């Protein structure tokens, strides 16, 4: 789900400090949506009754629903849902005032941390980051990290070094992985059996770049040891739960808004928990939730109007998509309207990629290599379209040069598109085999390497990890091609793909994440 923020500076790494609904310096373009209802263009149906009638063929296919697609499980829930906080502007104001007070107290806490140990300062930054509060204190945290970058960690333990490495790389500082050499204990072994140390090492190593062998070894060793430790742990304990989540999706690849909601429940039970930080995290989560509910309400009311009379024809679908862009263009400031031409061109490119896949399907064509497959399928996944769309409401941060860059399939976008394509194919392959479907990258992998279906997914997973390393390398470049705020959009989309395809194809089978959606967008925290 993409939204277009009018004041994107406040949107850092997918989470930000919320303000009362309808107040403050920012809002979604959807909240200023016109009262007019989007009307679809009507087309005359062709006479049916012949086998070569394309409308009838398409309608017959959709009517049979051979792939077993199910309707939305949410229906108009968000259209009618009313959060009690939303009906009380006075309560929202009081919450915002309390947030301002708590911000001052946490700011003072960060200032005092200069007298604390390196590990204590690292833990404070790490907690603020996982609670989606770090951007509020961005300048203060950057000052601390700049100082820590030159810290001598030669005498520190593995937990400290791993957390130091993780935070600096996460914030764009290229520090050497050689700091882990002293912890090596033989080939691909590290001298630690402490689960907490191993967990920190595991997460840190996923910020590696191509060619950093010691980090590959760290992932392999720590994963094996963590799996062994889990056998002897209470799986309901906080550390065990953290390990299980990390083995599913490592920390750097998680969607931060969902991660923050989860981490609050972990953090409030920690002995090192700060009451002030905890209260600020809960209030911010509750206020932010109001904004998401507003956007979901608009989306729910808008989408049925688009789909109700949509003819089942690719050309007409494209026309309606482009018409939808006109709605967005109407909401943009005059100096930003040029951006929609980029989005329209990328959409046309996306549709052309689909046309190629239709040809592949009808000819039963399997590309000879994964690379050949990806030459087209990186576009059919539409992540380059989403990347462009995510820049639309970025105010003056996104320039014309930014749109030239993002629509040229630059390295970060290319890696994002590959990650989506491969993760999708890994989880949807079995379902797609039930019907006539375009060849998957898994099919191309089996053909290229002459391997069975049992071995191909492993090779595909390795390719996913390699693309993440390339993404990390782009993030750590000292002279980035675009501002950090724009690159973060690409990373957040990649994290979203990991989230959707963690256990299954949750994009197609949305019921899989029903509880997560409910937790993130409906359930609020009780703040005493």
Protein backbone atom coordinates (compact mmCIF):
# COMPACT_ATOMS: atom_id res chain seq x y z
CA UNK A 1 0.00 0.00 0.00
CA UNK A 2 1.56 3.31 -1.01
CA UNK A 3 0.54 6.75 0.17
CA UNK A 4 1.87 10.08 -0.93
CA UNK A 5 2.99 12.37 1.88
CA UNK A 6 2.94 16.08 1.27
CA UNK A 7 5.64 16.65 3.90
CA UNK A 8 7.93 13.66 3.46
CA UNK A 9 10.72 14.98 5.66
CA UNK A 10 8.67 13.78 8.60
CA UNK A 11 8.43 10.30 7.14
CA UNK A 12 11.75 8.67 7.94
CA UNK A 13 12.21 4.93 7.50
CA UNK A 14 8.48 4.24 7.37
CA UNK A 15 7.57 5.69 10.76
CA UNK A 16 7.30 9.17 12.20
CA UNK A 17 5.94 11.18 15.07
CA UNK A 18 2.21 11.57 14.66
CA UNK A 19 0.06 14.60 15.28
CA UNK A 20 -3.69 14.95 15.80
CA UNK A 21 -5.66 14.01 12.73
CA UNK A 22 -6.24 16.99 10.50
CA UNK A 23 -3.66 19.10 12.34
CA UNK A 24 0.04 19.68 11.95
CA UNK A 25 2.07 20.45 8.83
CA UNK A 26 1.35 17.34 6.85
CA UNK A 27 -1.40 15.11 5.59
CA UNK A 28 -1.98 12.58 2.87
CA UNK A 29 -2.99 13.81 -0.55
CA UNK A 30 -5.93 11.43 -0.22
CA UNK A 31 -7.32 13.45 2.69
CA UNK A 32 -7.69 16.41 0.34
CA UNK A 33 -9.46 14.23 -2.19
CA UNK A 34 -12.24 15.82 -4.12
CA UNK A 35 -15.81 14.96 -3.26
CA UNK A 36 -16.39 13.80 -6.80
CA UNK A 37 -16.50 10.03 -7.14
CA UNK A 38 -14.14 8.46 -9.62
CA UNK A 39 -16.19 7.23 -12.56
CA UNK A 40 -14.94 4.53 -14.86
CA UNK A 41 -15.26 4.83 -18.57
CA UNK A 42 -17.97 2.66 -20.00
CA UNK A 43 -17.43 0.50 -23.03
CA UNK A 44 -19.84 -1.42 -25.23
CA UNK A 45 -19.59 -5.18 -24.85
CA UNK A 46 -18.85 -7.11 -27.98
CA UNK A 47 -21.46 -9.61 -29.10
CA UNK A 48 -20.73 -12.89 -27.40
CA UNK A 49 -21.30 -16.38 -28.58
CA UNK A 50 -18.22 -17.16 -30.65
CA UNK A 51 -15.13 -19.00 -29.49
CA UNK A 52 -12.80 -16.23 -30.60
CA UNK A 53 -14.65 -13.48 -28.67
CA UNK A 54 -11.84 -12.15 -26.41
CA UNK A 55 -14.18 -10.61 -23.85
CA UNK A 56 -16.00 -13.91 -23.44
CA UNK A 57 -12.73 -15.85 -23.16
CA UNK A 58 -11.41 -13.55 -20.44
CA UNK A 59 -14.71 -13.49 -18.56
CA UNK A 60 -14.94 -17.28 -18.72
CA UNK A 61 -11.45 -17.60 -17.27
CA UNK A 62 -12.17 -15.18 -14.47
CA UNK A 63 -15.53 -16.77 -13.76
CA UNK A 64 -13.93 -20.15 -13.25
CA UNK A 65 -11.27 -18.61 -10.96
CA UNK A 66 -8.93 -21.58 -11.53
CA UNK A 67 -6.23 -20.20 -9.24
CA UNK A 68 -8.63 -19.96 -6.31
CA UNK A 69 -8.29 -16.21 -5.69
CA UNK A 70 -10.51 -15.03 -2.88
CA UNK A 71 -12.24 -11.66 -2.38
CA UNK A 72 -10.99 -9.10 0.11
CA UNK A 73 -11.54 -10.25 3.67
CA UNK A 74 -11.85 -6.65 4.86
CA UNK A 75 -14.70 -5.47 2.66
CA UNK A 76 -15.80 -2.02 3.85
CA UNK A 77 -14.52 -2.52 7.42
CA UNK A 78 -12.29 0.57 7.42
CA UNK A 79 -14.98 2.62 5.72
CA UNK A 80 -17.19 2.35 8.81
CA UNK A 81 -14.67 1.69 11.58
CA UNK A 82 -14.52 4.46 14.16
CA UNK A 83 -11.61 4.78 16.54
CA UNK A 84 -12.80 6.43 19.80
CA UNK A 85 -9.80 8.74 19.74
CA UNK A 86 -10.79 10.02 16.28
CA UNK A 87 -14.08 11.39 17.63
CA UNK A 88 -12.36 13.44 20.33
CA UNK A 89 -10.18 16.27 19.00
CA UNK A 90 -9.63 17.41 22.58
CA UNK A 91 -8.13 14.02 23.48
CA UNK A 92 -5.88 14.16 20.44
CA UNK A 93 -4.63 17.58 21.46
CA UNK A 94 -3.90 16.37 24.99
CA UNK A 95 -2.05 13.38 23.59
CA UNK A 96 0.02 15.60 21.31
CA UNK A 97 0.88 17.91 24.21
CA UNK A 98 1.97 14.92 26.26
CA UNK A 99 4.11 13.76 23.35
CA UNK A 100 5.88 17.14 23.26
CA UNK A 101 6.65 16.84 26.96
CA UNK A 102 7.98 13.32 26.59
CA UNK A 103 10.15 14.38 23.66
CA UNK A 104 11.90 16.90 25.86
CA UNK A 105 12.57 14.27 28.50
CA UNK A 106 13.97 11.75 26.00
CA UNK A 107 16.12 14.48 24.42
CA UNK A 108 17.61 15.14 27.84
CA UNK A 109 18.16 11.41 28.29
CA UNK A 110 20.15 11.27 25.04
CA UNK A 111 22.26 14.25 26.15
CA UNK A 112 23.06 12.54 29.46
CA UNK A 113 24.05 9.34 27.67
CA UNK A 114 27.42 10.87 26.80
CA UNK A 115 28.45 9.88 30.34
CA UNK A 116 27.34 6.27 29.83
CA UNK A 117 29.26 3.30 28.49
CA UNK A 118 29.44 2.58 24.78
CA UNK A 119 27.11 -0.41 25.14
CA UNK A 120 24.52 1.64 27.06
CA UNK A 121 24.52 4.33 24.38
CA UNK A 122 24.21 1.71 21.66
CA UNK A 123 21.24 0.11 23.43
CA UNK A 124 19.50 3.48 23.79
CA UNK A 125 19.85 4.23 20.07
CA UNK A 126 18.81 0.70 19.17
CA UNK A 127 15.68 0.90 21.33
CA UNK A 128 14.65 4.26 19.87
CA UNK A 129 15.20 2.90 16.38
CA UNK A 130 13.16 -0.26 16.89
CA UNK A 131 10.35 1.74 18.49
CA UNK A 132 10.24 4.03 15.41
CA UNK A 133 11.25 7.05 17.47
CA UNK A 134 14.80 7.56 16.21
CA UNK A 135 13.87 10.09 13.52
CA UNK A 136 12.49 12.47 16.16
CA UNK A 137 15.96 12.73 17.63
CA UNK A 138 17.79 12.31 14.34
CA UNK A 139 20.34 15.08 14.84
CA UNK A 140 21.24 13.99 18.37
CA UNK A 141 21.55 10.35 17.33
CA UNK A 142 23.67 11.24 14.31
CA UNK A 143 26.02 13.19 16.57
CA UNK A 144 26.37 10.15 18.83
CA UNK A 145 26.96 7.81 15.90
CA UNK A 146 29.57 10.13 14.41
CA UNK A 147 31.46 9.98 17.69
CA UNK A 148 31.02 6.21 17.99
CA UNK A 149 32.26 5.64 14.47
CA UNK A 150 35.81 6.30 15.62
CA UNK A 151 35.49 4.40 18.89
CA UNK A 152 38.11 1.74 19.64
CA UNK A 153 36.09 -1.46 19.87
CA UNK A 154 39.17 -3.68 19.97
CA UNK A 155 38.62 -4.53 23.63
CA UNK A 156 34.81 -4.87 23.47
CA UNK A 157 32.80 -8.08 23.61
CA UNK A 158 30.89 -9.55 20.66
CA UNK A 159 27.53 -8.07 21.72
CA UNK A 160 28.95 -4.54 21.77
CA UNK A 161 30.91 -4.89 18.52
CA UNK A 162 27.94 -6.43 16.68
CA UNK A 163 25.54 -3.73 17.85
CA UNK A 164 28.08 -1.01 17.01
CA UNK A 165 28.55 -2.45 13.51
CA UNK A 166 24.80 -2.87 12.98
CA UNK A 167 23.79 0.66 13.97
CA UNK A 168 26.58 2.37 12.04
CA UNK A 169 25.92 0.45 8.85
CA UNK A 170 22.16 0.85 9.22
CA UNK A 171 22.66 4.61 9.32
CA UNK A 172 24.95 4.61 6.28
CA UNK A 173 28.44 4.49 7.81
CA UNK A 174 30.75 2.05 6.04
CA UNK A 175 32.67 0.38 8.86
CA UNK A 176 34.89 -2.62 8.22
CA UNK A 177 33.72 -6.17 8.95
CA UNK A 178 37.29 -6.91 10.06
CA UNK A 179 36.18 -5.99 13.59
CA UNK A 180 34.80 -9.55 13.80
CA UNK A 181 38.09 -11.28 12.97
CA UNK A 182 39.16 -11.46 16.59
CA UNK A 183 36.02 -13.47 17.40
CA UNK A 184 36.81 -16.17 14.83
CA UNK A 185 37.50 -19.60 16.32
CA UNK A 186 38.53 -21.74 13.40
CA UNK A 187 36.98 -21.98 9.94
CA UNK A 188 33.47 -20.46 9.86
CA UNK A 189 33.27 -20.56 13.68
CA UNK A 190 32.96 -17.72 16.16
CA UNK A 191 33.97 -17.87 19.80
CA UNK A 192 30.57 -17.36 21.39
CA UNK A 193 27.76 -19.54 22.64
CA UNK A 194 25.72 -16.74 24.19
CA UNK A 195 22.35 -16.54 22.36
CA UNK A 196 22.14 -12.75 22.75
CA UNK A 197 25.61 -12.28 21.28
CA UNK A 198 24.84 -14.66 18.44
CA UNK A 199 21.57 -12.86 17.69
CA UNK A 200 23.34 -9.49 17.47
CA UNK A 201 26.00 -11.01 15.21
CA UNK A 202 23.35 -12.61 13.01
CA UNK A 203 21.40 -9.37 12.48
CA UNK A 204 24.54 -7.29 11.95
CA UNK A 205 25.89 -9.65 9.29
CA UNK A 206 22.80 -9.08 7.13
CA UNK A 207 24.08 -5.58 6.43
CA UNK A 208 26.92 -7.08 4.44
CA UNK A 209 27.86 -6.18 0.88
CA UNK A 210 29.13 -8.42 -1.96
CA UNK A 211 32.46 -10.09 -1.22
CA UNK A 212 32.45 -9.75 2.58
CA UNK A 213 33.12 -13.42 3.30
CA UNK A 214 33.42 -13.07 7.07
CA UNK A 215 29.82 -11.82 7.25
CA UNK A 216 28.61 -14.76 5.18
CA UNK A 217 30.38 -17.03 7.64
CA UNK A 218 28.84 -15.14 10.56
CA UNK A 219 25.33 -15.70 9.17
CA UNK A 220 25.92 -19.39 8.55
CA UNK A 221 27.42 -20.06 11.98
CA UNK A 222 25.08 -17.92 14.06
CA UNK A 223 21.97 -19.27 12.31
CA UNK A 224 23.02 -22.86 13.04
CA UNK A 225 23.86 -22.09 16.67
CA UNK A 226 20.65 -20.10 17.24
CA UNK A 227 18.57 -22.98 15.88
CA UNK A 228 20.37 -25.30 18.28
CA UNK A 229 19.85 -22.95 21.24
CA UNK A 230 16.12 -22.67 20.52
CA UNK A 231 15.66 -26.37 21.28
CA UNK A 232 16.58 -25.69 24.92
CA UNK A 233 14.74 -22.38 25.35
CA UNK A 234 11.25 -21.41 26.45
CA UNK A 235 9.81 -20.38 23.08
CA UNK A 236 7.46 -17.94 24.80
CA UNK A 237 10.35 -16.05 26.38
CA UNK A 238 11.31 -12.67 24.94
CA UNK A 239 14.75 -13.77 23.72
CA UNK A 240 13.38 -16.91 22.09
CA UNK A 241 10.68 -14.88 20.35
CA UNK A 242 13.33 -12.46 19.08
CA UNK A 243 15.42 -15.34 17.73
CA UNK A 244 12.43 -16.93 15.99
CA UNK A 245 11.57 -13.63 14.29
CA UNK A 246 15.18 -13.08 13.23
CA UNK A 247 15.41 -16.55 11.69
CA UNK A 248 12.23 -15.76 9.71
CA UNK A 249 13.27 -12.24 8.67
CA UNK A 250 16.52 -10.68 9.94
CA UNK A 251 16.12 -7.32 11.65
CA UNK A 252 17.46 -5.10 8.82
CA UNK A 253 14.84 -6.49 6.42
CA UNK A 254 11.73 -6.01 8.55
CA UNK A 255 8.88 -3.54 7.98
CA UNK A 256 9.45 -1.00 10.70
CA UNK A 257 5.87 0.02 11.45
CA UNK A 258 4.96 -3.60 12.23
CA UNK A 259 8.27 -4.22 13.96
CA UNK A 260 7.70 -1.24 16.28
CA UNK A 261 4.28 -2.53 17.29
CA UNK A 262 5.83 -5.88 18.17
CA UNK A 263 8.87 -4.46 19.91
CA UNK A 264 6.81 -2.32 22.27
CA UNK A 265 5.45 -5.55 23.77
CA UNK A 266 9.02 -6.82 24.18
CA UNK A 267 10.51 -3.57 25.42
CA UNK A 268 7.99 -3.01 28.23
CA UNK A 269 9.14 -6.27 29.85
CA UNK A 270 12.87 -5.50 29.66
CA UNK A 271 14.69 -4.65 32.88
CA UNK A 272 16.42 -1.76 31.08
CA UNK A 273 13.11 -0.25 29.92
CA UNK A 274 12.66 3.53 30.30
CA UNK A 275 9.09 4.50 31.23
CA UNK A 276 9.37 7.78 29.33
CA UNK A 277 10.50 6.09 26.12
CA UNK A 278 7.79 3.44 26.43
CA UNK A 279 5.00 5.98 26.90
CA UNK A 280 6.23 8.06 23.98
CA UNK A 281 6.32 4.96 21.74
CA UNK A 282 2.76 3.97 22.66
CA UNK A 283 1.33 7.46 22.20
CA UNK A 284 3.05 7.89 18.87
CA UNK A 285 1.79 4.50 17.72
CA UNK A 286 -1.80 5.37 18.67
CA UNK A 287 -1.74 8.76 16.98
CA UNK A 288 -0.06 7.37 13.88
CA UNK A 289 -2.73 4.69 13.71
CA UNK A 290 -5.40 7.40 13.34
CA UNK A 291 -3.71 8.68 10.20
CA UNK A 292 -3.49 5.20 8.73
CA UNK A 293 -7.17 4.62 9.45
CA UNK A 294 -8.04 7.85 7.63
CA UNK A 295 -6.09 6.70 4.59
CA UNK A 296 -7.59 3.21 4.66
CA UNK A 297 -11.05 4.73 4.79
CA UNK A 298 -10.36 6.73 1.64
CA UNK A 299 -8.82 3.75 -0.13
CA UNK A 300 -11.79 1.54 0.79
CA UNK A 301 -14.30 4.05 -0.57
CA UNK A 302 -12.25 4.71 -3.70
CA UNK A 303 -11.30 1.26 -4.97
CA UNK A 304 -14.83 -0.20 -5.42
CA UNK A 305 -15.70 2.78 -7.60
CA UNK A 306 -12.77 1.94 -9.84
CA UNK A 307 -13.44 -1.78 -10.11
CA UNK A 308 -17.22 -1.85 -10.30
CA UNK A 309 -17.59 -1.38 -14.04
CA UNK A 310 -14.06 -2.19 -15.16
CA UNK A 311 -14.12 -4.17 -18.45
CA UNK A 312 -11.92 -7.26 -18.46
CA UNK A 313 -9.56 -6.02 -21.10
CA UNK A 314 -5.96 -5.03 -20.62
CA UNK A 315 -6.24 -1.90 -22.73
CA UNK A 316 -9.24 -0.61 -20.81
CA UNK A 317 -7.57 -1.45 -17.50
CA UNK A 318 -4.61 0.62 -18.55
CA UNK A 319 -6.88 3.50 -19.54
CA UNK A 320 -8.52 3.43 -16.12
CA UNK A 321 -5.17 3.29 -14.33
CA UNK A 322 -4.02 6.33 -16.25
CA UNK A 323 -7.32 8.03 -15.46
CA UNK A 324 -6.65 7.32 -11.79
CA UNK A 325 -3.34 9.12 -12.17
CA UNK A 326 -5.26 12.17 -13.33
CA UNK A 327 -6.97 12.16 -9.94
CA UNK A 328 -3.56 12.19 -8.26
CA UNK A 329 -2.31 14.90 -10.60
CA UNK A 330 -5.23 17.10 -9.62
CA UNK A 331 -4.11 16.94 -5.98
CA UNK A 332 -0.50 17.91 -6.69
CA UNK A 333 0.84 21.43 -6.58
CA UNK A 334 1.31 22.99 -10.05
CA UNK A 335 5.10 22.72 -9.90
CA UNK A 336 4.84 18.97 -9.18
CA UNK A 337 2.36 17.95 -11.87
CA UNK A 338 5.15 17.00 -14.29
CA UNK A 339 5.82 13.94 -12.10
CA UNK A 340 2.77 12.09 -13.36
CA UNK A 341 4.21 11.84 -16.87
CA UNK A 342 7.00 9.68 -15.42
CA UNK A 343 4.51 7.47 -13.62
CA UNK A 344 2.42 7.05 -16.77
CA UNK A 345 5.46 6.04 -18.82
CA UNK A 346 6.55 3.48 -16.22
CA UNK A 347 3.02 2.07 -16.16
CA UNK A 348 3.08 1.60 -19.93
CA UNK A 349 6.42 -0.18 -19.55
CA UNK A 350 4.87 -2.43 -16.89
CA UNK A 351 1.96 -3.35 -19.19
CA UNK A 352 4.37 -4.15 -22.03
CA UNK A 353 6.19 -6.55 -19.70
CA UNK A 354 2.87 -8.25 -19.01
CA UNK A 355 2.26 -8.56 -22.74
CA UNK A 356 5.59 -10.31 -23.10
CA UNK A 357 4.62 -12.74 -20.33
CA UNK A 358 1.35 -13.49 -22.10
CA UNK A 359 3.37 -14.39 -25.21
CA UNK A 360 5.67 -16.60 -23.12
CA UNK A 361 2.68 -18.33 -21.58
CA UNK A 362 0.87 -18.95 -24.85
CA UNK A 363 4.05 -20.29 -26.48
CA UNK A 364 4.93 -22.35 -23.37
CA UNK A 365 8.28 -20.59 -23.50
CA UNK A 366 10.78 -21.03 -20.66
CA UNK A 367 13.69 -18.54 -20.73
CA UNK A 368 16.99 -20.41 -20.88
CA UNK A 369 18.50 -18.63 -17.86
CA UNK A 370 17.31 -16.74 -14.82
CA UNK A 371 19.01 -13.63 -16.18
CA UNK A 372 17.04 -13.88 -19.41
CA UNK A 373 13.83 -14.27 -17.43
CA UNK A 374 14.63 -11.24 -15.27
CA UNK A 375 15.25 -9.01 -18.27
CA UNK A 376 11.47 -8.87 -18.56
CA UNK A 377 10.10 -10.04 -15.22
CA UNK A 378 11.83 -7.33 -13.18
CA UNK A 379 9.32 -5.02 -14.86
CA UNK A 380 6.22 -7.19 -14.67
CA UNK A 381 6.48 -7.21 -10.86
CA UNK A 382 5.82 -3.44 -10.93
CA UNK A 383 8.32 -2.50 -8.21
CA UNK A 384 9.88 0.07 -10.53
CA UNK A 385 6.38 1.55 -10.82
CA UNK A 386 5.99 1.58 -7.02
CA UNK A 387 9.41 3.20 -6.67
CA UNK A 388 8.40 6.00 -8.99
CA UNK A 389 5.01 6.35 -7.28
CA UNK A 390 6.68 6.63 -3.87
CA UNK A 391 8.50 9.77 -5.05
CA UNK A 392 5.37 11.56 -6.27
CA UNK A 393 4.48 13.34 -3.03
CA UNK A 394 8.03 13.99 -1.86
CA UNK A 395 7.91 17.79 -2.12
CA UNK A 396 11.20 19.44 -3.09
CA UNK A 397 13.27 16.43 -1.99
CA UNK A 398 12.38 14.73 -5.29
CA UNK A 399 13.58 16.76 -8.27
CA UNK A 400 13.23 16.18 -11.98
CA UNK A 401 16.65 14.53 -11.84
CA UNK A 402 15.29 12.19 -9.17
CA UNK A 403 12.52 11.06 -11.51
CA UNK A 404 14.96 10.66 -14.38
CA UNK A 405 17.00 8.47 -12.04
CA UNK A 406 14.23 6.31 -10.57
CA UNK A 407 12.65 5.59 -13.98
CA UNK A 408 15.98 4.56 -15.53
CA UNK A 409 16.01 1.31 -13.51
CA UNK A 410 19.06 2.29 -11.40
CA UNK A 411 20.88 -0.34 -9.36
CA UNK A 412 18.81 -0.01 -6.15
CA UNK A 413 15.52 -0.22 -8.05
CA UNK A 414 16.81 -3.12 -10.14
CA UNK A 415 17.76 -5.04 -6.99
CA UNK A 416 14.36 -4.29 -5.47
CA UNK A 417 12.60 -5.61 -8.58
CA UNK A 418 14.66 -8.80 -8.55
CA UNK A 419 13.97 -9.36 -4.85
CA UNK A 420 10.23 -9.07 -5.45
CA UNK A 421 10.29 -11.32 -8.52
CA UNK A 422 12.27 -14.08 -6.82
CA UNK A 423 10.40 -14.00 -3.51
CA UNK A 424 7.08 -14.05 -5.35
CA UNK A 425 8.11 -17.02 -7.47
CA UNK A 426 9.35 -18.96 -4.44
CA UNK A 427 5.98 -18.71 -2.71
CA UNK A 428 3.58 -18.82 -5.67
CA UNK A 429 5.21 -21.55 -7.78
CA UNK A 430 3.13 -24.44 -6.46
CA UNK A 431 -0.15 -22.54 -6.82
CA UNK A 432 0.67 -21.36 -10.33
CA UNK A 433 1.35 -24.92 -11.47
CA UNK A 434 -2.35 -25.70 -11.10
CA UNK A 435 -3.22 -23.59 -14.14
CA UNK A 436 -1.73 -22.50 -17.43
CA UNK A 437 0.74 -19.90 -16.26
CA UNK A 438 3.82 -18.07 -17.48
CA UNK A 439 7.13 -19.79 -16.68
CA UNK A 440 8.66 -18.89 -13.33
CA UNK A 441 12.27 -18.00 -12.55
CA UNK A 442 12.30 -21.38 -10.83
CA UNK A 443 11.58 -23.04 -14.18
CA UNK A 444 14.42 -21.07 -15.75
CA UNK A 445 16.72 -21.99 -12.87
CA UNK A 446 16.00 -25.70 -13.33
CA UNK A 447 16.59 -25.35 -17.07
CA UNK A 448 19.80 -23.31 -16.70
CA UNK A 449 21.46 -25.52 -14.07
CA UNK A 450 19.79 -28.81 -14.96
CA UNK A 451 18.59 -29.26 -11.37
CA UNK A 452 15.37 -30.57 -9.84
CA UNK A 453 12.57 -28.60 -8.19
CA UNK A 454 14.08 -29.64 -4.86
CA UNK A 455 17.34 -27.76 -5.53
CA UNK A 456 16.19 -24.77 -7.58
CA UNK A 457 14.58 -22.83 -4.70
CA UNK A 458 17.87 -22.88 -2.77
CA UNK A 459 19.65 -21.23 -5.70
CA UNK A 460 16.86 -18.66 -5.98
CA UNK A 461 17.17 -17.81 -2.26
CA UNK A 462 20.90 -17.29 -2.72
CA UNK A 463 20.15 -14.80 -5.50
CA UNK A 464 17.78 -12.90 -3.16
CA UNK A 465 20.56 -12.56 -0.59
CA UNK A 466 22.98 -11.33 -3.24
CA UNK A 467 20.57 -8.59 -4.30
CA UNK A 468 20.18 -7.49 -0.68
CA UNK A 469 23.97 -7.21 -0.47
CA UNK A 470 23.95 -5.00 -3.56
CA UNK A 471 21.25 -2.84 -1.98
CA UNK A 472 23.34 -2.51 1.16
CA UNK A 473 26.31 -1.50 -0.97
CA UNK A 474 24.28 1.32 -2.55
CA UNK A 475 23.19 2.50 0.89
CA UNK A 476 26.80 2.64 2.12
CA UNK A 477 28.15 4.62 -0.84
CA UNK A 478 29.81 7.78 0.40
CA UNK A 479 28.50 9.72 -2.59
CA UNK A 480 24.92 8.52 -2.96
CA UNK A 481 23.12 9.05 -6.25
CA UNK A 482 20.04 10.47 -4.51
CA UNK A 483 19.13 11.90 -1.08
CA UNK A 484 18.85 9.40 1.76
CA UNK A 485 15.11 10.08 2.08
CA UNK A 486 14.53 8.79 -1.46
CA UNK A 487 16.76 5.74 -1.13
CA UNK A 488 14.86 4.82 2.01
CA UNK A 489 11.72 4.45 -0.12
CA UNK A 490 13.46 1.75 -2.14
CA UNK A 491 14.63 -0.07 0.97
CA UNK A 492 11.21 0.11 2.58
CA UNK A 493 9.63 -1.42 -0.51
CA UNK A 494 12.17 -4.25 -0.38
CA UNK A 495 11.31 -4.80 3.30
CA UNK A 496 7.64 -4.88 2.36
CA UNK A 497 8.32 -7.64 -0.16
CA UNK A 498 10.11 -9.69 2.51
CA UNK A 499 7.09 -9.19 4.76
CA UNK A 500 4.52 -10.22 2.14
CA UNK A 501 6.40 -13.36 1.14
CA UNK A 502 7.75 -14.48 4.52
CA UNK A 503 5.74 -17.68 4.87
CA UNK A 504 3.46 -17.63 1.83
CA UNK A 505 2.20 -15.33 -0.90
CA UNK A 506 0.36 -12.95 1.44
CA UNK A 507 -0.14 -10.46 -1.38
CA UNK A 508 -2.44 -12.94 -3.12
CA UNK A 509 -3.68 -14.74 -0.01
CA UNK A 510 -4.27 -11.73 2.18
CA UNK A 511 -6.08 -13.69 4.87
CA UNK A 512 -2.62 -14.86 6.00
CA UNK A 513 -1.85 -11.42 7.45
CA UNK A 514 -5.33 -10.63 8.77
CA UNK A 515 -4.16 -10.64 12.40
CA UNK A 516 -1.14 -8.50 11.54
CA UNK A 517 -3.29 -5.93 9.75
CA UNK A 518 -5.65 -5.88 12.71
CA UNK A 519 -2.78 -5.43 15.16
CA UNK A 520 -1.15 -2.68 13.13
CA UNK A 521 -4.16 -0.64 12.05
CA UNK A 522 -6.93 -1.41 14.57
CA UNK A 523 -5.60 -2.45 17.99
CA UNK A 524 -4.35 0.49 20.05
CA UNK A 525 -2.13 0.60 23.10
CA UNK A 526 -3.58 1.43 26.49
CA UNK A 527 -1.66 4.37 27.92
CA UNK A 528 -2.32 4.98 31.60
